[in-house]
C-alpha cells in the first residue's frame, strides 16, 4: 500500500504494462501457497 503513495506515477505505468498481469498472477500463487501451508 505504501508503494502506491510513494510512486503513483510508476504504479500508473505498471498498470498499462503487461508485466502487471504477471505480477498479479505471482501474488495469487503465493497467496494460495500460503493458505495451503497455513492449513
N, C-alpha and C. Protein backbone atom coordinates (compact mmCIF):
# COMPACT_ATOMS: atom_id res chain seq x y z
N UNK A 1 0.84 -1.20 0.00
CA UNK A 1 0.00 0.00 0.00
C UNK A 1 0.87 1.26 0.00
N UNK A 2 1.94 1.22 0.78
CA UNK A 2 2.81 2.39 0.91
C UNK A 2 3.45 2.74 -0.44
N UNK A 3 3.78 1.73 -1.23
CA UNK A 3 4.44 1.98 -2.51
C UNK A 3 3.55 2.80 -3.44
N UNK A 4 2.24 2.60 -3.33
CA UNK A 4 1.31 3.34 -4.18
C UNK A 4 1.41 4.84 -3.87
N UNK A 5 1.57 5.17 -2.59
CA UNK A 5 1.68 6.57 -2.19
C UNK A 5 3.04 7.14 -2.59
N UNK A 6 4.07 6.32 -2.53
CA UNK A 6 5.42 6.78 -2.84
C UNK A 6 5.63 7.02 -4.32
N UNK A 7 5.10 6.09 -5.15
CA UNK A 7 5.36 6.20 -6.59
C UNK A 7 4.07 6.05 -7.40
N UNK A 8 3.16 7.01 -7.31
CA UNK A 8 1.89 6.93 -8.04
C UNK A 8 2.11 6.90 -9.55
N UNK A 9 3.12 7.63 -10.03
CA UNK A 9 3.39 7.66 -11.47
C UNK A 9 3.85 6.29 -11.95
N UNK A 10 4.73 5.69 -11.17
CA UNK A 10 5.25 4.37 -11.56
C UNK A 10 4.13 3.34 -11.55
N UNK A 11 3.25 3.43 -10.56
CA UNK A 11 2.13 2.49 -10.48
C UNK A 11 1.25 2.62 -11.72
N UNK A 12 0.97 3.84 -12.14
CA UNK A 12 0.14 4.04 -13.33
C UNK A 12 0.81 3.43 -14.56
N UNK A 13 2.13 3.54 -14.65
CA UNK A 13 2.86 2.97 -15.78
C UNK A 13 2.76 1.45 -15.76
N UNK A 14 2.86 0.89 -14.56
CA UNK A 14 2.79 -0.57 -14.43
C UNK A 14 1.41 -1.07 -14.81
N UNK A 15 0.38 -0.29 -14.51
CA UNK A 15 -0.99 -0.71 -14.84
C UNK A 15 -1.13 -0.92 -16.34
N UNK A 16 -0.47 -0.08 -17.12
CA UNK A 16 -0.55 -0.19 -18.58
C UNK A 16 0.45 -1.21 -19.13
N UNK A 17 1.24 -1.80 -18.24
CA UNK A 17 2.28 -2.73 -18.66
C UNK A 17 1.81 -4.18 -18.48
N UNK A 18 2.02 -5.03 -19.49
CA UNK A 18 1.63 -6.44 -19.39
C UNK A 18 2.24 -7.13 -18.18
N UNK A 19 3.35 -6.59 -17.68
CA UNK A 19 4.01 -7.19 -16.52
C UNK A 19 3.08 -7.20 -15.32
N UNK A 20 2.13 -6.27 -15.28
CA UNK A 20 1.18 -6.20 -14.16
C UNK A 20 0.38 -7.50 -14.08
N UNK A 21 0.01 -8.04 -15.23
CA UNK A 21 -0.75 -9.29 -15.24
C UNK A 21 0.08 -10.41 -14.62
N UNK A 22 1.37 -10.46 -14.98
CA UNK A 22 2.26 -11.48 -14.43
C UNK A 22 2.44 -11.29 -12.94
N UNK A 23 2.56 -10.04 -12.52
CA UNK A 23 2.76 -9.74 -11.09
C UNK A 23 1.55 -10.19 -10.29
N UNK A 24 0.35 -9.91 -10.79
CA UNK A 24 -0.87 -10.33 -10.09
C UNK A 24 -0.92 -11.85 -10.01
N UNK A 25 -0.55 -12.52 -11.11
CA UNK A 25 -0.55 -13.97 -11.13
C UNK A 25 0.36 -14.53 -10.05
N UNK A 26 1.55 -13.95 -9.94
CA UNK A 26 2.51 -14.40 -8.92
C UNK A 26 1.96 -14.18 -7.52
N UNK A 27 1.34 -13.04 -7.29
CA UNK A 27 0.77 -12.74 -5.97
C UNK A 27 -0.33 -13.73 -5.62
N UNK A 28 -1.15 -14.08 -6.60
CA UNK A 28 -2.23 -15.05 -6.36
C UNK A 28 -1.64 -16.40 -6.00
N UNK A 29 -0.63 -16.83 -6.75
CA UNK A 29 0.01 -18.13 -6.48
C UNK A 29 0.61 -18.15 -5.09
N UNK A 30 1.31 -17.08 -4.73
CA UNK A 30 1.92 -17.00 -3.39
C UNK A 30 0.85 -17.04 -2.31
N UNK A 31 -0.27 -16.38 -2.55
CA UNK A 31 -1.36 -16.37 -1.57
C UNK A 31 -1.93 -17.77 -1.39
N UNK A 32 -2.11 -18.48 -2.49
CA UNK A 32 -2.64 -19.84 -2.42
C UNK A 32 -1.69 -20.75 -1.66
N UNK A 33 -0.40 -20.64 -1.95
CA UNK A 33 0.60 -21.46 -1.27
C UNK A 33 0.59 -21.16 0.23
N UNK A 34 0.46 -19.89 0.58
CA UNK A 34 0.43 -19.51 2.00
C UNK A 34 -0.78 -20.11 2.69
N UNK A 35 -1.92 -20.08 2.05
CA UNK A 35 -3.15 -20.65 2.64
C UNK A 35 -2.99 -22.15 2.82
N UNK A 36 -2.44 -22.83 1.82
CA UNK A 36 -2.26 -24.28 1.90
C UNK A 36 -1.32 -24.62 3.05
N UNK A 37 -0.23 -23.88 3.17
CA UNK A 37 0.72 -24.14 4.25
C UNK A 37 0.11 -23.84 5.61
N UNK A 38 -0.76 -22.84 5.67
CA UNK A 38 -1.40 -22.47 6.93
C UNK A 38 -2.31 -23.59 7.41
N UNK A 39 -2.94 -24.26 6.48
CA UNK A 39 -3.84 -25.36 6.84
C UNK A 39 -3.04 -26.59 7.23
